[in-house]
Protein backbone atom coordinates (compact mmCIF):
# COMPACT_ATOMS: atom_id res chain seq x y z
CA UNK A 1 0.00 0.00 0.00
CA UNK A 2 1.33 3.45 -0.90
CA UNK A 3 1.71 6.40 1.42
CA UNK A 4 -1.40 8.22 0.17
CA UNK A 5 -3.49 5.05 0.36
CA UNK A 6 -2.24 4.52 3.93
CA UNK A 7 -3.49 8.01 4.83
CA UNK A 8 -6.84 7.14 3.22
CA UNK A 9 -7.10 3.94 5.28
CA UNK A 10 -6.54 5.99 8.44
CA UNK A 11 -9.25 8.44 7.25
CA UNK A 12 -6.76 11.33 7.18
CA UNK A 13 -7.22 12.00 3.47
CA UNK A 14 -10.11 11.65 1.02
CA UNK A 15 -10.19 9.93 -2.37
CA UNK A 16 -10.47 13.36 -4.02
CA UNK A 17 -7.32 14.60 -2.22
CA UNK A 18 -5.46 11.51 -3.43
CA UNK A 19 -6.55 12.24 -7.02
CA UNK A 20 -5.51 15.89 -6.76
CA UNK A 21 -2.10 15.01 -5.35
CA UNK A 22 -1.46 12.40 -8.03
CA UNK A 23 -2.73 14.68 -10.83
CA UNK A 24 -0.70 17.67 -9.72
CA UNK A 25 2.62 15.90 -10.38
CA UNK A 26 3.65 17.20 -6.97
CA UNK A 27 6.95 15.50 -6.23
CA UNK A 28 7.55 15.00 -2.51
CA UNK A 29 9.77 12.75 -0.47
CA UNK A 30 7.32 10.47 1.34
CA UNK A 31 9.76 9.46 4.08
CA UNK A 32 10.66 13.05 4.95
CA UNK A 33 7.01 14.10 4.85
CA UNK A 34 6.02 11.17 7.00
CA UNK A 35 8.74 11.74 9.60
CA UNK A 36 8.50 15.52 9.86
CA UNK A 37 4.83 16.32 9.34
CA UNK A 38 2.80 13.23 10.03
CA UNK A 39 3.04 11.46 13.36
CA UNK A 40 2.10 7.84 12.65
CA UNK A 41 2.48 6.75 16.28
CA UNK A 42 0.05 9.21 17.85
CA UNK A 43 -3.22 10.87 16.98
CA UNK A 44 -2.12 14.17 18.56
CA UNK A 45 0.24 16.21 16.37
CA UNK A 46 2.66 17.21 19.14
CA UNK A 47 2.09 14.22 21.37
CA UNK A 48 0.17 13.09 24.42
CA UNK A 49 2.04 13.23 27.71
CA UNK A 50 1.07 12.37 31.26
CA UNK A 51 2.38 15.00 33.70
CA UNK A 52 2.73 15.20 37.48
CA UNK A 53 2.45 17.89 40.15
CA UNK A 54 5.01 20.64 39.57
CA UNK A 55 5.40 19.92 35.85
CA UNK A 56 7.03 22.81 33.99
CA UNK A 57 5.78 23.32 30.45
CA UNK A 58 8.63 23.19 27.90
CA UNK A 59 9.03 23.95 24.18
CA UNK A 60 8.70 20.28 23.21
CA UNK A 61 5.12 20.35 24.58
CA UNK A 62 4.06 22.60 21.68
CA UNK A 63 0.85 21.31 20.06
CA UNK A 64 0.62 18.55 22.67
CA UNK A 65 -2.03 17.40 25.08
CA UNK A 66 -0.78 17.20 28.66
CA UNK A 67 -2.79 14.90 30.89
CA UNK A 68 -2.81 15.38 34.68
CA UNK A 69 -4.25 12.17 36.09
CA UNK A 70 -3.52 12.43 39.83
CA UNK A 71 -6.21 12.14 42.49
CA UNK A 72 -4.60 14.96 44.53
CA UNK A 73 -4.38 18.63 43.54
CA UNK A 74 -1.22 19.83 41.80
CA UNK A 75 0.47 22.66 39.94
CA UNK A 76 1.61 23.19 36.38
CA UNK A 77 4.33 25.81 36.04
CA UNK A 78 4.61 28.44 33.30
CA UNK A 79 8.17 29.82 33.39
CA UNK A 80 9.75 33.03 32.26
CA UNK A 81 11.93 32.99 29.16
CA UNK A 82 15.26 33.28 31.02
CA UNK A 83 14.55 30.06 32.91
CA UNK A 84 12.87 28.07 30.17
CA UNK A 85 12.73 29.48 26.63
CA UNK A 86 9.38 28.75 24.99
CA UNK A 87 8.46 30.34 21.65
CA UNK A 88 5.77 33.01 21.38
CA UNK A 89 2.75 31.35 19.78
CA UNK A 90 3.36 28.06 21.63
CA UNK A 91 0.08 26.21 22.33
CA UNK A 92 -0.89 23.11 24.24
CA UNK A 93 -3.94 21.69 25.95
CA UNK A 94 -3.96 20.50 29.54
CA UNK A 95 -6.62 18.06 30.69
CA UNK A 96 -7.61 16.99 34.18
CA UNK A 97 -8.40 13.28 34.07
CA UNK A 98 -9.15 12.51 37.74
CA UNK A 99 -10.16 14.36 40.94
CA UNK A 100 -6.91 16.30 41.40
CA UNK A 101 -7.43 19.97 40.48
CA UNK A 102 -4.71 21.75 38.51
CA UNK A 103 -3.50 25.21 39.53
CA UNK A 104 -1.47 27.12 36.93
CA UNK A 105 1.52 28.88 38.53
CA UNK A 106 4.19 31.19 37.11
CA UNK A 107 7.86 31.32 37.97
CA UNK A 108 10.38 34.12 37.70
CA UNK A 109 9.05 37.17 35.89
CA UNK A 110 6.42 35.25 33.91
CA UNK A 111 2.92 36.73 33.84
CA UNK A 112 -0.36 34.91 33.41
CA UNK A 113 -3.59 36.24 31.91
CA UNK A 114 -6.99 34.61 32.09
CA UNK A 115 -10.61 35.69 32.30
CA UNK A 116 -11.27 37.09 35.80
CA UNK A 117 -7.83 35.89 36.96
CA UNK A 118 -8.89 32.21 36.91
CA UNK A 119 -5.99 29.78 37.48
CA UNK A 120 -7.56 26.49 38.66
CA UNK A 121 -9.41 23.75 36.76
CA UNK A 122 -13.06 23.15 37.59
CA UNK A 123 -12.93 19.39 38.06
CA UNK A 124 -12.55 16.02 36.42
CA UNK A 125 -12.78 16.36 32.63
CA UNK A 126 -11.62 20.00 32.56
CA UNK A 127 -9.59 21.13 29.55
CA UNK A 128 -7.45 24.27 29.41
CA UNK A 129 -5.72 25.93 26.45
CA UNK A 130 -2.27 27.34 27.25
CA UNK A 131 -0.77 29.93 24.88
CA UNK A 132 2.53 31.85 25.06
CA UNK A 133 1.56 35.41 24.12
CA UNK A 134 4.80 37.35 24.74
CA UNK A 135 8.39 36.79 25.86
CA UNK A 136 7.32 36.22 29.47
CA UNK A 137 3.54 36.23 29.04
CA UNK A 138 1.11 33.33 29.08
CA UNK A 139 -2.65 33.10 28.56
CA UNK A 140 -4.92 30.29 29.74
CA UNK A 141 -8.56 29.73 28.89
CA UNK A 142 -11.07 26.95 29.24
CA UNK A 143 -12.57 25.10 32.19
CA UNK A 144 -11.02 27.26 34.93
CA UNK A 145 -12.18 29.45 37.80
C-alpha atoms as a PDB file:
ATOM      1  CA  UNK A   1       0.000   0.000   0.000  1.00  0.00           C
ATOM      2  CA  UNK A   2       1.334   3.449  -0.902  1.00  0.00           C
ATOM      3  CA  UNK A   3       1.714   6.397   1.417  1.00  0.00           C
ATOM      4  CA  UNK A   4      -1.404   8.217   0.167  1.00  0.00           C
ATOM      5  CA  UNK A   5      -3.487   5.051   0.363  1.00  0.00           C
ATOM      6  CA  UNK A   6      -2.244   4.517   3.933  1.00  0.00           C
ATOM      7  CA  UNK A   7      -3.486   8.008   4.827  1.00  0.00           C
ATOM      8  CA  UNK A   8      -6.836   7.137   3.218  1.00  0.00           C
ATOM      9  CA  UNK A   9      -7.098   3.943   5.279  1.00  0.00           C
ATOM     10  CA  UNK A  10      -6.544   5.985   8.439  1.00  0.00           C
ATOM     11  CA  UNK A  11      -9.247   8.443   7.247  1.00  0.00           C
ATOM     12  CA  UNK A  12      -6.764  11.329   7.177  1.00  0.00           C
ATOM     13  CA  UNK A  13      -7.221  12.000   3.474  1.00  0.00           C
ATOM     14  CA  UNK A  14     -10.111  11.649   1.016  1.00  0.00           C
ATOM     15  CA  UNK A  15     -10.185   9.926  -2.372  1.00  0.00           C
ATOM     16  CA  UNK A  16     -10.466  13.363  -4.021  1.00  0.00           C
ATOM     17  CA  UNK A  17      -7.321  14.601  -2.224  1.00  0.00           C
ATOM     18  CA  UNK A  18      -5.455  11.509  -3.434  1.00  0.00           C
ATOM     19  CA  UNK A  19      -6.547  12.237  -7.016  1.00  0.00           C
ATOM     20  CA  UNK A  20      -5.508  15.893  -6.759  1.00  0.00           C
ATOM     21  CA  UNK A  21      -2.099  15.007  -5.349  1.00  0.00           C
ATOM     22  CA  UNK A  22      -1.456  12.397  -8.034  1.00  0.00           C
ATOM     23  CA  UNK A  23      -2.732  14.676 -10.833  1.00  0.00           C
ATOM     24  CA  UNK A  24      -0.697  17.666  -9.718  1.00  0.00           C
ATOM     25  CA  UNK A  25       2.615  15.895 -10.385  1.00  0.00           C
ATOM     26  CA  UNK A  26       3.653  17.196  -6.966  1.00  0.00           C
ATOM     27  CA  UNK A  27       6.950  15.496  -6.230  1.00  0.00           C
ATOM     28  CA  UNK A  28       7.546  14.997  -2.514  1.00  0.00           C
ATOM     29  CA  UNK A  29       9.770  12.750  -0.471  1.00  0.00           C
ATOM     30  CA  UNK A  30       7.316  10.471   1.342  1.00  0.00           C
ATOM     31  CA  UNK A  31       9.761   9.461   4.079  1.00  0.00           C
ATOM     32  CA  UNK A  32      10.660  13.051   4.949  1.00  0.00           C
ATOM     33  CA  UNK A  33       7.012  14.102   4.850  1.00  0.00           C
ATOM     34  CA  UNK A  34       6.023  11.166   7.002  1.00  0.00           C
ATOM     35  CA  UNK A  35       8.742  11.744   9.600  1.00  0.00           C
ATOM     36  CA  UNK A  36       8.504  15.518   9.860  1.00  0.00           C
ATOM     37  CA  UNK A  37       4.831  16.319   9.343  1.00  0.00           C
ATOM     38  CA  UNK A  38       2.800  13.226  10.030  1.00  0.00           C
ATOM     39  CA  UNK A  39       3.035  11.457  13.362  1.00  0.00           C
ATOM     40  CA  UNK A  40       2.098   7.840  12.650  1.00  0.00           C
ATOM     41  CA  UNK A  41       2.482   6.753  16.284  1.00  0.00           C
ATOM     42  CA  UNK A  42       0.047   9.209  17.854  1.00  0.00           C
ATOM     43  CA  UNK A  43      -3.218  10.871  16.981  1.00  0.00           C
ATOM     44  CA  UNK A  44      -2.122  14.171  18.558  1.00  0.00           C
ATOM     45  CA  UNK A  45       0.237  16.205  16.372  1.00  0.00           C
ATOM     46  CA  UNK A  46       2.659  17.208  19.144  1.00  0.00           C
ATOM     47  CA  UNK A  47       2.092  14.215  21.366  1.00  0.00           C
ATOM     48  CA  UNK A  48       0.173  13.092  24.418  1.00  0.00           C
ATOM     49  CA  UNK A  49       2.045  13.231  27.708  1.00  0.00           C
ATOM     50  CA  UNK A  50       1.071  12.372  31.260  1.00  0.00           C
ATOM     51  CA  UNK A  51       2.383  15.001  33.699  1.00  0.00           C
ATOM     52  CA  UNK A  52       2.728  15.199  37.479  1.00  0.00           C
ATOM     53  CA  UNK A  53       2.445  17.890  40.146  1.00  0.00           C
ATOM     54  CA  UNK A  54       5.010  20.641  39.569  1.00  0.00           C
ATOM     55  CA  UNK A  55       5.403  19.919  35.853  1.00  0.00           C
ATOM     56  CA  UNK A  56       7.034  22.813  33.988  1.00  0.00           C
ATOM     57  CA  UNK A  57       5.781  23.319  30.447  1.00  0.00           C
ATOM     58  CA  UNK A  58       8.632  23.188  27.897  1.00  0.00           C
ATOM     59  CA  UNK A  59       9.032  23.950  24.177  1.00  0.00           C
ATOM     60  CA  UNK A  60       8.698  20.279  23.209  1.00  0.00           C
ATOM     61  CA  UNK A  61       5.120  20.346  24.581  1.00  0.00           C
ATOM     62  CA  UNK A  62       4.058  22.601  21.683  1.00  0.00           C
ATOM     63  CA  UNK A  63       0.849  21.307  20.064  1.00  0.00           C
ATOM     64  CA  UNK A  64       0.624  18.551  22.673  1.00  0.00           C
ATOM     65  CA  UNK A  65      -2.028  17.402  25.084  1.00  0.00           C
ATOM     66  CA  UNK A  66      -0.783  17.203  28.660  1.00  0.00           C
ATOM     67  CA  UNK A  67      -2.789  14.897  30.891  1.00  0.00           C
ATOM     68  CA  UNK A  68      -2.808  15.380  34.675  1.00  0.00           C
ATOM     69  CA  UNK A  69      -4.247  12.171  36.093  1.00  0.00           C
ATOM     70  CA  UNK A  70      -3.521  12.435  39.831  1.00  0.00           C
ATOM     71  CA  UNK A  71      -6.209  12.144  42.493  1.00  0.00           C
ATOM     72  CA  UNK A  72      -4.604  14.964  44.527  1.00  0.00           C
ATOM     73  CA  UNK A  73      -4.382  18.628  43.545  1.00  0.00           C
ATOM     74  CA  UNK A  74      -1.223  19.829  41.801  1.00  0.00           C
ATOM     75  CA  UNK A  75       0.471  22.657  39.941  1.00  0.00           C
ATOM     76  CA  UNK A  76       1.610  23.193  36.376  1.00  0.00           C
ATOM     77  CA  UNK A  77       4.335  25.814  36.035  1.00  0.00           C
ATOM     78  CA  UNK A  78       4.611  28.442  33.295  1.00  0.00           C
ATOM     79  CA  UNK A  79       8.172  29.817  33.394  1.00  0.00           C
ATOM     80  CA  UNK A  80       9.747  33.032  32.259  1.00  0.00           C
ATOM     81  CA  UNK A  81      11.932  32.992  29.158  1.00  0.00           C
ATOM     82  CA  UNK A  82      15.257  33.275  31.015  1.00  0.00           C
ATOM     83  CA  UNK A  83      14.555  30.057  32.915  1.00  0.00           C
ATOM     84  CA  UNK A  84      12.874  28.068  30.168  1.00  0.00           C
ATOM     85  CA  UNK A  85      12.726  29.482  26.627  1.00  0.00           C
ATOM     86  CA  UNK A  86       9.383  28.754  24.990  1.00  0.00           C
ATOM     87  CA  UNK A  87       8.461  30.344  21.647  1.00  0.00           C
ATOM     88  CA  UNK A  88       5.773  33.008  21.380  1.00  0.00           C
ATOM     89  CA  UNK A  89       2.754  31.348  19.775  1.00  0.00           C
ATOM     90  CA  UNK A  90       3.356  28.056  21.629  1.00  0.00           C
ATOM     91  CA  UNK A  91       0.083  26.207  22.332  1.00  0.00           C
ATOM     92  CA  UNK A  92      -0.894  23.115  24.236  1.00  0.00           C
ATOM     93  CA  UNK A  93      -3.937  21.685  25.953  1.00  0.00           C
ATOM     94  CA  UNK A  94      -3.955  20.502  29.545  1.00  0.00           C
ATOM     95  CA  UNK A  95      -6.619  18.056  30.685  1.00  0.00           C
ATOM     96  CA  UNK A  96      -7.613  16.988  34.184  1.00  0.00           C
ATOM     97  CA  UNK A  97      -8.397  13.276  34.070  1.00  0.00           C
ATOM     98  CA  UNK A  98      -9.145  12.513  37.744  1.00  0.00           C
ATOM     99  CA  UNK A  99     -10.157  14.359  40.941  1.00  0.00           C
ATOM    100  CA  UNK A 100      -6.906  16.303  41.403  1.00  0.00           C
ATOM    101  CA  UNK A 101      -7.434  19.966  40.482  1.00  0.00           C
ATOM    102  CA  UNK A 102      -4.710  21.752  38.510  1.00  0.00           C
ATOM    103  CA  UNK A 103      -3.499  25.205  39.527  1.00  0.00           C
ATOM    104  CA  UNK A 104      -1.466  27.120  36.931  1.00  0.00           C
ATOM    105  CA  UNK A 105       1.519  28.880  38.527  1.00  0.00           C
ATOM    106  CA  UNK A 106       4.185  31.194  37.114  1.00  0.00           C
ATOM    107  CA  UNK A 107       7.857  31.320  37.965  1.00  0.00           C
ATOM    108  CA  UNK A 108      10.384  34.116  37.703  1.00  0.00           C
ATOM    109  CA  UNK A 109       9.050  37.173  35.889  1.00  0.00           C
ATOM    110  CA  UNK A 110       6.418  35.253  33.911  1.00  0.00           C
ATOM    111  CA  UNK A 111       2.925  36.728  33.837  1.00  0.00           C
ATOM    112  CA  UNK A 112      -0.360  34.905  33.412  1.00  0.00           C
ATOM    113  CA  UNK A 113      -3.590  36.238  31.911  1.00  0.00           C
ATOM    114  CA  UNK A 114      -6.992  34.613  32.091  1.00  0.00           C
ATOM    115  CA  UNK A 115     -10.606  35.686  32.300  1.00  0.00           C
ATOM    116  CA  UNK A 116     -11.266  37.087  35.796  1.00  0.00           C
ATOM    117  CA  UNK A 117      -7.834  35.892  36.963  1.00  0.00           C
ATOM    118  CA  UNK A 118      -8.890  32.214  36.906  1.00  0.00           C
ATOM    119  CA  UNK A 119      -5.994  29.783  37.484  1.00  0.00           C
ATOM    120  CA  UNK A 120      -7.555  26.485  38.657  1.00  0.00           C
ATOM    121  CA  UNK A 121      -9.406  23.751  36.761  1.00  0.00           C
ATOM    122  CA  UNK A 122     -13.060  23.151  37.593  1.00  0.00           C
ATOM    123  CA  UNK A 123     -12.930  19.389  38.056  1.00  0.00           C
ATOM    124  CA  UNK A 124     -12.548  16.022  36.418  1.00  0.00           C
ATOM    125  CA  UNK A 125     -12.781  16.362  32.633  1.00  0.00           C
ATOM    126  CA  UNK A 126     -11.617  19.998  32.564  1.00  0.00           C
ATOM    127  CA  UNK A 127      -9.595  21.130  29.550  1.00  0.00           C
ATOM    128  CA  UNK A 128      -7.447  24.265  29.410  1.00  0.00           C
ATOM    129  CA  UNK A 129      -5.715  25.925  26.449  1.00  0.00           C
ATOM    130  CA  UNK A 130      -2.272  27.340  27.249  1.00  0.00           C
ATOM    131  CA  UNK A 131      -0.772  29.930  24.877  1.00  0.00           C
ATOM    132  CA  UNK A 132       2.533  31.845  25.056  1.00  0.00           C
ATOM    133  CA  UNK A 133       1.555  35.413  24.116  1.00  0.00           C
ATOM    134  CA  UNK A 134       4.797  37.347  24.739  1.00  0.00           C
ATOM    135  CA  UNK A 135       8.387  36.791  25.863  1.00  0.00           C
ATOM    136  CA  UNK A 136       7.317  36.222  29.468  1.00  0.00           C
ATOM    137  CA  UNK A 137       3.543  36.226  29.036  1.00  0.00           C
ATOM    138  CA  UNK A 138       1.107  33.326  29.081  1.00  0.00           C
ATOM    139  CA  UNK A 139      -2.646  33.097  28.561  1.00  0.00           C
ATOM    140  CA  UNK A 140      -4.917  30.286  29.737  1.00  0.00           C
ATOM    141  CA  UNK A 141      -8.564  29.735  28.889  1.00  0.00           C
ATOM    142  CA  UNK A 142     -11.075  26.953  29.240  1.00  0.00           C
ATOM    143  CA  UNK A 143     -12.571  25.098  32.185  1.00  0.00           C
ATOM    144  CA  UNK A 144     -11.017  27.259  34.926  1.00  0.00           C
ATOM    145  CA  UNK A 145     -12.182  29.450  37.796  1.00  0.00           C
END
